[in-house]
Protein backbone atom coordinates (compact mmCIF):
# COMPACT_ATOMS: atom_id res chain seq x y z
CA MET A 1 -17.21 -8.89 -3.49
CA SER A 2 -15.01 -5.82 -3.60
CA SER A 3 -12.45 -5.15 -6.29
CA TYR A 4 -8.72 -5.08 -5.56
CA ARG A 5 -5.79 -3.67 -7.50
CA GLN A 6 -2.10 -3.47 -6.61
CA ALA A 7 0.22 -2.36 -9.37
CA ASN A 8 3.80 -1.39 -10.08
CA LEU A 9 3.80 0.70 -13.24
CA LYS A 10 7.59 0.66 -13.60
CA ALA A 11 7.64 -3.13 -13.84
CA ASN A 12 4.27 -3.30 -15.66
CA VAL A 13 2.98 -5.83 -13.11
CA SER A 14 -0.38 -5.77 -11.39
CA LEU A 15 -2.42 -7.90 -9.02
CA GLU A 16 -6.16 -7.54 -9.55
CA ARG A 17 -9.50 -8.99 -8.49
CA ASP A 18 -12.89 -8.15 -10.00
CA THR A 19 -11.66 -5.24 -12.14
CA GLU A 20 -12.36 -4.45 -15.78
CA HIS A 21 -9.15 -6.24 -16.82
CA VAL A 22 -9.86 -9.62 -15.18
CA PRO A 23 -12.90 -11.93 -14.84
CA HIS A 24 -15.32 -11.36 -11.94
CA ASP A 25 -14.69 -14.75 -10.36
CA GLY A 26 -13.48 -13.61 -6.93
CA LYS A 27 -9.91 -14.80 -7.54
CA PHE A 28 -6.72 -12.76 -7.65
CA HIS A 29 -5.12 -12.49 -11.10
CA LEU A 30 -1.46 -11.63 -11.64
CA LEU A 31 -0.94 -9.60 -14.81
CA VAL A 32 2.53 -9.18 -16.29
CA ASP A 33 2.83 -6.92 -19.34
CA GLY A 34 -0.97 -7.02 -19.70
CA GLN A 35 -1.13 -10.83 -19.84
CA ALA A 36 -2.59 -13.01 -17.07
CA THR A 37 0.20 -15.22 -15.72
CA GLY A 38 -1.36 -16.58 -12.55
CA VAL A 39 -4.65 -17.05 -10.69
CA PHE A 40 -4.75 -17.33 -6.89
CA ARG A 41 -7.51 -17.98 -4.37
CA THR A 42 -5.91 -16.05 -1.50
CA LEU A 43 -4.37 -12.62 -1.31
CA LYS A 44 -1.32 -13.96 0.53
CA GLN A 45 -0.44 -16.41 -2.27
CA ALA A 46 -1.01 -13.72 -4.89
CA GLN A 47 1.17 -11.18 -3.09
CA GLU A 48 4.00 -13.70 -2.76
CA ALA A 49 3.94 -14.29 -6.53
CA TYR A 50 3.67 -10.53 -7.13
CA SER A 51 6.75 -9.92 -4.96
CA ARG A 52 8.68 -12.68 -6.78
CA ILE A 53 7.98 -11.09 -10.17
CA LEU A 54 9.04 -7.66 -8.89
CA THR A 55 12.26 -9.15 -7.48
CA GLU A 56 13.00 -10.78 -10.85
CA ARG A 57 12.50 -7.41 -12.54
CA ASN A 58 14.67 -5.60 -9.94
CA CYS A 59 11.82 -3.43 -8.68
CA GLN A 60 10.80 -2.82 -5.11
CA ALA A 61 7.57 -4.33 -3.82
CA SER A 62 6.88 -1.72 -1.17
CA PRO A 63 5.39 1.59 -2.27
CA ASP A 64 7.40 4.78 -2.04
CA VAL A 65 6.55 6.93 0.95
CA LEU A 66 5.55 10.38 -0.18
CA PRO A 67 5.77 13.32 2.20
CA VAL A 68 2.42 14.96 2.95
CA THR A 69 2.39 18.71 3.29
CA GLU A 70 0.18 20.48 5.80
CA GLU A 71 -2.07 21.77 3.02
CA VAL A 72 -2.61 18.29 1.59
CA ARG A 73 -3.29 16.88 5.05
CA ARG A 74 -5.96 19.55 5.69
CA LYS A 75 -7.58 18.83 2.34
CA MET A 76 -7.67 15.08 3.08
CA LEU A 77 -9.24 15.70 6.50
CA ARG A 78 -11.79 18.08 4.98
CA GLU A 79 -12.77 15.46 2.38
CA ALA A 80 -13.06 12.76 5.05
CA VAL A 81 -15.30 14.95 7.20
CA GLN A 82 -17.44 15.83 4.17
CA LYS A 83 -17.87 12.15 3.26
CA CYS A 84 -18.79 11.34 6.85
CA TYR A 85 -21.32 14.19 6.93
CA ASP A 86 -22.82 13.16 3.58
CA GLY A 87 -23.28 9.62 4.88
CA GLU A 88 -25.12 10.83 7.97
CA THR A 89 -27.44 13.16 6.09
CA ALA A 90 -28.24 10.60 3.39
CA GLY A 91 -30.80 8.93 5.64
CA GLY A 92 -28.90 5.69 6.06
CA LEU A 93 -28.27 6.34 9.73
CA LYS A 94 -31.19 6.50 12.15
CA VAL A 95 -30.70 8.16 15.50
CA PRO A 96 -33.32 7.31 18.14
CA LYS A 97 -35.18 10.27 19.56
CA ARG A 98 -34.97 10.91 23.26
CA SER A 99 -37.97 12.14 25.11
CA GLY A 100 -37.64 14.03 28.33
CA SER A 101 -40.67 12.41 29.93
CA ARG A 102 -38.87 9.47 31.53
CA ARG A 103 -37.96 9.81 35.16
CA PHE A 104 -35.91 7.30 37.08
CA GLY A 105 -35.56 6.97 40.81
């Protein structure tokens, strides 16, 4: 199971699953001021509670949109291509060989 973390540092609220701060039980844990205040089976239920807490603390639930400069965009694309290339050369992907000896028709 993959880990999950959604946090608002201004409000000191986070929603986590299978991280170092919460048990590895596959459930979503709502942490307020470092203390577990709720446990949820589904992400939807957990996000509703997370949004309620942020509303109570007068913080926005949606993340701020940061402008991306051209230089940062190029760097992100370069890293994505490098990761893709590393995955292909790692041997995890097998490409069948084509022989030119087959003739159809």
